[in-house]
Amino acid sequence: MEPSMEYCLAQVLQKDVGKRLQVGQELIDYFSDKHKSADLEHDQTMLDKMVDGLATSWVNSSNYKVRL
């Protein structure tokens, strides 16, 4: 099953650091493939939530591996 925008957002917002680390590469692959991430251009609200979630949950994380 290909990841969807809703799946990716749920992965970004989860609290478990181990799961965040595992899903990082999956998110990169999703965002890099225009066919998989075609819904990014059409759902600005979801994209805003994704960016906000990455900025607040990952970039500001106390775990340096998550920040990277």
Protein backbone atom coordinates (compact mmCIF):
# COMPACT_ATOMS: atom_id res chain seq x y z
CA MET A 1 0.00 0.00 0.00
CA GLU A 2 1.38 3.39 -1.00
CA PRO A 3 1.49 6.00 1.75
CA SER A 4 -1.06 8.78 1.55
CA MET A 5 -0.88 12.34 2.82
CA GLU A 6 -3.02 11.38 5.82
CA TYR A 7 -0.69 8.49 6.67
CA CYS A 8 2.39 10.71 6.40
CA LEU A 9 0.82 13.39 8.61
CA ALA A 10 -0.05 10.79 11.23
CA GLN A 11 3.56 9.56 11.18
CA VAL A 12 4.90 13.10 11.58
CA LEU A 13 2.63 13.87 14.53
CA GLN A 14 3.28 10.69 16.52
CA LYS A 15 5.21 10.96 19.78
CA ASP A 16 7.24 7.73 19.59
CA VAL A 17 10.81 8.74 18.67
CA GLY A 18 11.70 5.27 17.40
CA LYS A 19 8.82 5.30 14.94
CA ARG A 20 9.71 8.82 13.80
CA LEU A 21 13.22 7.65 13.00
CA GLN A 22 11.90 4.69 11.02
CA VAL A 23 9.48 6.72 8.96
CA GLY A 24 11.94 9.49 7.99
CA GLN A 25 13.18 7.79 4.83
CA GLU A 26 9.64 6.80 3.89
CA LEU A 27 8.60 10.46 4.06
CA ILE A 28 11.56 11.53 1.93
CA ASP A 29 10.64 8.91 -0.69
CA TYR A 30 7.00 10.02 -0.63
CA PHE A 31 7.81 13.72 -1.08
CA SER A 32 10.40 13.01 -3.79
CA ASP A 33 8.09 10.97 -6.01
CA LYS A 34 5.63 13.22 -7.88
CA HIS A 35 3.32 10.30 -8.63
CA LYS A 36 3.04 9.23 -4.99
CA SER A 37 2.67 12.76 -3.66
CA ALA A 38 0.34 14.18 -6.30
CA ASP A 39 -2.18 15.09 -3.59
CA LEU A 40 0.28 17.61 -2.07
CA GLU A 41 -0.57 20.22 -4.67
CA HIS A 42 -4.32 19.88 -4.21
CA ASP A 43 -4.66 19.90 -0.44
CA GLN A 44 -3.05 23.07 0.91
CA THR A 45 -4.53 22.57 4.38
CA MET A 46 -2.99 19.12 4.73
CA LEU A 47 0.33 20.41 3.41
CA ASP A 48 0.25 23.24 5.96
CA LYS A 49 -0.38 20.71 8.75
CA MET A 50 2.50 18.58 7.48
CA VAL A 51 4.96 21.48 7.45
CA ASP A 52 3.78 22.68 10.85
CA GLY A 53 4.08 19.16 12.26
CA LEU A 54 7.61 18.75 10.90
CA ALA A 55 8.64 22.15 12.24
CA THR A 56 7.19 21.77 15.71
CA SER A 57 7.56 18.05 16.32
CA TRP A 58 10.77 17.19 14.49
CA VAL A 59 12.91 20.31 14.09
CA ASN A 60 12.34 21.34 17.69
CA SER A 61 12.77 17.79 19.01
CA SER A 62 15.18 17.22 21.87
CA ASN A 63 16.40 14.08 20.07
CA TYR A 64 19.20 15.09 17.70
CA LYS A 65 18.57 12.15 15.38
CA VAL A 66 14.97 13.23 14.83
CA ARG A 67 16.09 16.81 14.15
CA LEU A 68 18.48 15.61 11.47
